[in-house]
Amino acid sequence: MDYCISDIHGYYDLFCRLLDKIKFGGEDRLYVLGDIIDKGPNSIRLAKLLFSMPNIYCIAGNHEYDFLKYYRSMMRRTEDYDWILDRLRNYFADGYLLDWETVDQFDFLPFYAETDDFIGVHAGIPVENGKILPVSQVTCEQLVYDRSFKDRDVLPQNGKCVLFGHTPVRYLTGRDEILRYQRKDAAQGSMDIADYCKIHLDTGVALSGVLGCLSINDCQCFYVRER
């Protein structure tokens, strides 16, 4: 099975519970659409877990992008790498776990994921005349910061389903649940991802205590909640 999630934000324990709930195994794949870090208590512990698993594919969100801007600004100021790593460790609640290998893994994160079934971005893709632009032509800033793609009236009908996070769904619906937007003329309640133009994944874990993920194969949603 293939799954997708966004905006885990350092909630390591909840994420592990979610993996247990979906019985995630070696034959499965998980796509993580950015914002691994910040807000929660275990950003680096979570990142190390994600980066260590060959069947988990991560992209950068705005929080990773901002961290990398901070890192690169220090690299321009000094060649004292011990000093830089010390400052980077202070960036996180569990920063003592940070090492240069993990910094490099953040640095090489792509800005989108694309499969035969979907395009995954953190925030959004530009839409012109009701059609999404080719993701390969979009700037990284657009992919991690966009706030307009989430709007209810942005319903691109061309191309693959776009999966995204960035803005908690509760700001649109008042609910902490994954939001699916069906295409015109699609069967109501379809479990085929091709029948959706976009799916909004951010359950706002730092606000709600709810972490959710989507099964790509049948569009089922799975949730865990803080006890």
Protein backbone atom coordinates (compact mmCIF):
# COMPACT_ATOMS: atom_id res chain seq x y z
CA MET A 1 0.00 0.00 0.00
CA ASP A 2 1.06 3.60 -0.66
CA TYR A 3 0.33 6.34 1.87
CA CYS A 4 0.78 10.09 2.09
CA ILE A 5 1.07 12.45 5.05
CA SER A 6 2.10 16.06 5.66
CA ASP A 7 2.99 18.37 8.55
CA ILE A 8 4.10 15.86 11.19
CA HIS A 9 5.97 18.70 12.95
CA GLY A 10 8.13 16.70 15.33
CA TYR A 11 5.32 14.57 16.78
CA TYR A 12 7.42 11.42 16.78
CA ASP A 13 5.27 9.34 19.14
CA LEU A 14 2.03 10.09 17.30
CA PHE A 15 3.70 9.27 13.99
CA CYS A 16 4.89 5.89 15.30
CA ARG A 17 1.38 5.15 16.53
CA LEU A 18 0.06 5.99 13.07
CA LEU A 19 2.54 3.60 11.44
CA ASP A 20 1.32 0.91 13.82
CA LYS A 21 -2.31 1.68 12.99
CA ILE A 22 -1.81 1.27 9.24
CA LYS A 23 0.49 -1.73 9.82
CA PHE A 24 3.20 -0.07 7.75
CA GLY A 25 5.70 -2.63 6.49
CA GLY A 26 8.56 -3.14 4.13
CA GLU A 27 6.33 -3.58 1.08
CA ASP A 28 4.51 -0.28 1.71
CA ARG A 29 5.56 3.24 0.74
CA LEU A 30 4.96 6.53 2.52
CA TYR A 31 5.33 10.02 1.03
CA VAL A 32 5.91 12.82 3.56
CA LEU A 33 5.00 16.22 2.11
CA GLY A 34 7.14 18.51 4.22
CA ASP A 35 7.15 20.18 7.63
CA ILE A 36 8.78 17.29 9.40
CA ILE A 37 10.27 19.73 11.91
CA ASP A 38 9.31 22.44 14.45
CA LYS A 39 6.38 22.87 16.85
CA GLY A 40 6.58 19.35 18.31
CA PRO A 41 9.25 18.08 20.73
CA ASN A 42 11.11 15.57 18.56
CA SER A 43 11.99 17.12 15.21
CA ILE A 44 15.42 15.52 14.81
CA ARG A 45 14.40 12.17 16.25
CA LEU A 46 11.57 12.09 13.72
CA ALA A 47 13.80 13.22 10.83
CA LYS A 48 16.37 10.54 11.60
CA LEU A 49 13.68 7.88 11.59
CA LEU A 50 12.22 9.07 8.29
CA PHE A 51 15.60 9.39 6.60
CA SER A 52 16.61 5.91 7.74
CA MET A 53 13.68 4.11 6.11
CA PRO A 54 14.18 3.32 2.40
CA ASN A 55 10.44 3.12 1.70
CA ILE A 56 9.71 6.61 3.07
CA TYR A 57 10.11 9.54 0.66
CA CYS A 58 10.28 13.08 2.05
CA ILE A 59 10.07 16.49 0.43
CA ALA A 60 10.76 19.93 1.90
CA GLY A 61 8.12 22.16 3.41
CA ASN A 62 8.42 25.78 4.46
CA HIS A 63 9.86 24.84 7.86
CA GLU A 64 12.69 22.84 6.28
CA TYR A 65 13.20 25.62 3.74
CA ASP A 66 13.45 28.25 6.51
CA PHE A 67 15.88 26.06 8.46
CA LEU A 68 18.07 25.68 5.38
CA LYS A 69 18.07 29.44 4.78
CA TYR A 70 19.30 29.88 8.36
CA TYR A 71 21.96 27.22 7.84
CA ARG A 72 23.21 28.74 4.58
CA SER A 73 23.35 32.22 6.07
CA MET A 74 25.78 30.94 8.71
CA MET A 75 27.84 29.06 6.14
CA ARG A 76 28.43 32.39 4.38
CA ARG A 77 29.69 33.96 7.61
CA THR A 78 32.25 31.48 8.89
CA GLU A 79 34.19 28.29 8.23
CA ASP A 80 33.98 27.29 11.90
CA TYR A 81 31.83 24.21 11.36
CA ASP A 82 31.70 23.30 15.04
CA TRP A 83 30.21 26.71 15.78
CA ILE A 84 27.67 26.30 12.97
CA LEU A 85 26.56 22.87 14.16
CA ASP A 86 26.20 24.19 17.70
CA ARG A 87 23.90 26.99 16.45
CA LEU A 88 21.90 24.53 14.36
CA ARG A 89 21.41 22.29 17.38
CA ASN A 90 19.97 25.24 19.28
CA TYR A 91 17.30 25.53 16.58
CA PHE A 92 15.46 22.42 17.83
CA ALA A 93 14.11 21.16 21.15
CA ASP A 94 15.99 17.89 20.60
CA GLY A 95 18.85 19.49 18.71
CA TYR A 96 21.51 17.55 20.62
CA LEU A 97 20.67 14.69 18.22
CA LEU A 98 21.55 16.72 15.13
CA ASP A 99 24.66 15.77 13.16
CA TRP A 100 26.11 16.80 9.81
CA GLU A 101 24.68 13.74 8.05
CA THR A 102 21.16 14.82 9.00
CA VAL A 103 21.85 18.42 7.96
CA ASP A 104 22.96 17.14 4.55
CA GLN A 105 19.81 15.02 4.26
CA PHE A 106 17.68 18.11 4.87
CA ASP A 107 19.78 19.99 2.31
CA PHE A 108 19.08 17.44 -0.42
CA LEU A 109 15.32 17.16 0.07
CA PRO A 110 13.37 17.62 -3.20
CA PHE A 111 10.46 20.06 -3.42
CA TYR A 112 7.86 17.75 -4.93
CA ALA A 113 7.08 14.09 -5.47
CA GLU A 114 5.32 12.71 -8.52
CA THR A 115 4.04 9.21 -9.25
CA ASP A 116 1.68 7.74 -11.82
CA ASP A 117 -1.21 8.58 -9.47
CA PHE A 118 -0.48 11.97 -7.90
CA ILE A 119 1.70 15.03 -7.52
CA GLY A 120 2.74 15.77 -3.94
CA VAL A 121 3.77 19.28 -2.88
CA HIS A 122 3.89 20.99 0.47
CA ALA A 123 1.76 24.07 -0.14
CA GLY A 124 0.48 24.38 -3.70
CA ILE A 125 0.95 24.68 -7.43
CA PRO A 126 -0.01 27.73 -9.53
CA VAL A 127 -3.30 27.37 -11.40
CA GLU A 128 -4.04 29.32 -14.58
CA ASN A 129 -7.40 29.15 -16.35
CA GLY A 130 -8.40 26.21 -14.21
CA LYS A 131 -5.27 24.19 -15.00
CA ILE A 132 -2.21 23.47 -12.90
CA LEU A 133 1.16 24.43 -14.31
CA PRO A 134 3.81 21.73 -14.80
CA VAL A 135 5.34 21.24 -11.38
CA SER A 136 8.87 21.13 -12.83
CA GLN A 137 8.44 24.79 -13.86
CA VAL A 138 7.34 26.08 -10.45
CA THR A 139 9.73 27.84 -8.05
CA CYS A 140 10.58 26.17 -4.77
CA GLU A 141 9.19 29.21 -2.91
CA GLN A 142 5.80 28.69 -4.56
CA LEU A 143 5.81 25.01 -3.66
CA VAL A 144 6.54 25.59 0.04
CA TYR A 145 4.77 28.90 0.80
CA ASP A 146 1.64 29.06 -1.40
CA ARG A 147 -1.56 29.93 0.52
CA SER A 148 -4.02 30.19 -2.37
CA PHE A 149 -4.05 26.61 -3.66
CA LYS A 150 -6.00 25.54 -0.57
CA ASP A 151 -8.95 27.80 -1.43
CA ARG A 152 -12.23 26.00 -2.09
CA ASP A 153 -12.70 27.58 -5.51
CA VAL A 154 -9.30 26.37 -6.78
CA LEU A 155 -10.35 23.12 -8.45
CA PRO A 156 -7.99 22.21 -11.30
CA GLN A 157 -9.51 19.62 -13.60
CA ASN A 158 -6.41 18.73 -15.61
CA GLY A 159 -3.63 16.37 -14.71
CA LYS A 160 -3.09 14.21 -11.66
CA CYS A 161 -4.54 14.66 -8.19
CA VAL A 162 -2.47 17.14 -6.17
CA LEU A 163 -1.77 16.19 -2.54
CA PHE A 164 -0.70 19.03 -0.23
CA GLY A 165 -0.65 20.31 3.35
CA HIS A 166 0.78 23.54 4.83
CA THR A 167 -2.48 25.06 6.16
CA PRO A 168 -4.48 23.18 8.79
CA VAL A 169 -7.77 22.00 7.32
CA ARG A 170 -9.64 23.31 10.39
CA TYR A 171 -9.21 26.86 9.05
CA LEU A 172 -11.45 25.90 6.13
CA THR A 173 -13.88 23.42 7.68
CA GLY A 174 -13.60 23.70 11.45
CA ARG A 175 -12.70 19.99 11.48
CA ASP A 176 -9.35 18.22 11.85
CA GLU A 177 -9.90 15.79 9.00
CA ILE A 178 -8.33 15.29 5.58
CA LEU A 179 -10.31 17.15 2.92
CA ARG A 180 -10.89 15.60 -0.51
CA TYR A 181 -12.09 17.60 -3.54
CA GLN A 182 -13.82 15.51 -6.20
CA ARG A 183 -13.62 16.27 -9.89
CA LYS A 184 -16.70 17.26 -11.86
CA ASP A 185 -18.91 14.27 -12.69
CA ALA A 186 -16.93 11.91 -10.42
CA ALA A 187 -18.96 9.30 -8.57
CA GLN A 188 -19.88 10.50 -5.07
CA GLY A 189 -17.64 8.89 -2.46
CA SER A 190 -15.29 7.42 -5.05
CA MET A 191 -12.29 5.57 -3.65
CA ASP A 192 -10.22 6.18 -6.81
CA ILE A 193 -7.65 8.96 -6.43
CA ALA A 194 -8.07 9.80 -10.13
CA ASP A 195 -11.55 11.12 -9.25
CA TYR A 196 -10.10 13.86 -7.04
CA CYS A 197 -8.46 17.08 -8.22
CA LYS A 198 -6.77 17.79 -4.88
CA ILE A 199 -6.56 16.40 -1.36
CA HIS A 200 -5.68 18.59 1.64
CA LEU A 201 -3.74 16.60 4.25
CA ASP A 202 -2.73 18.95 7.09
CA THR A 203 -4.71 17.92 10.18
CA GLY A 204 -2.99 20.62 12.26
CA VAL A 205 -1.38 18.28 14.77
CA ALA A 206 0.15 21.07 16.87
CA LEU A 207 -3.31 22.62 17.34
CA SER A 208 -5.52 19.56 17.34
CA GLY A 209 -3.41 16.67 18.58
CA VAL A 210 -4.65 14.79 15.50
CA LEU A 211 -2.32 13.26 12.91
CA GLY A 212 -3.77 11.76 9.75
CA CYS A 213 -2.62 10.05 6.59
CA LEU A 214 -4.20 9.00 3.31
CA SER A 215 -4.04 5.63 1.60
CA ILE A 216 -3.35 6.35 -2.07
CA ASN A 217 -4.71 3.01 -3.21
CA ASP A 218 -8.26 3.44 -1.92
CA CYS A 219 -8.43 7.02 -0.54
CA GLN A 220 -9.11 5.84 3.00
CA CYS A 221 -8.05 8.17 5.79
CA PHE A 222 -6.43 7.06 9.05
CA TYR A 223 -6.05 9.11 12.22
CA VAL A 224 -4.42 8.95 15.63
CA ARG A 225 -5.02 11.38 18.50
CA GLU A 226 -3.01 12.45 21.50
CA ARG A 227 -4.19 10.58 24.58
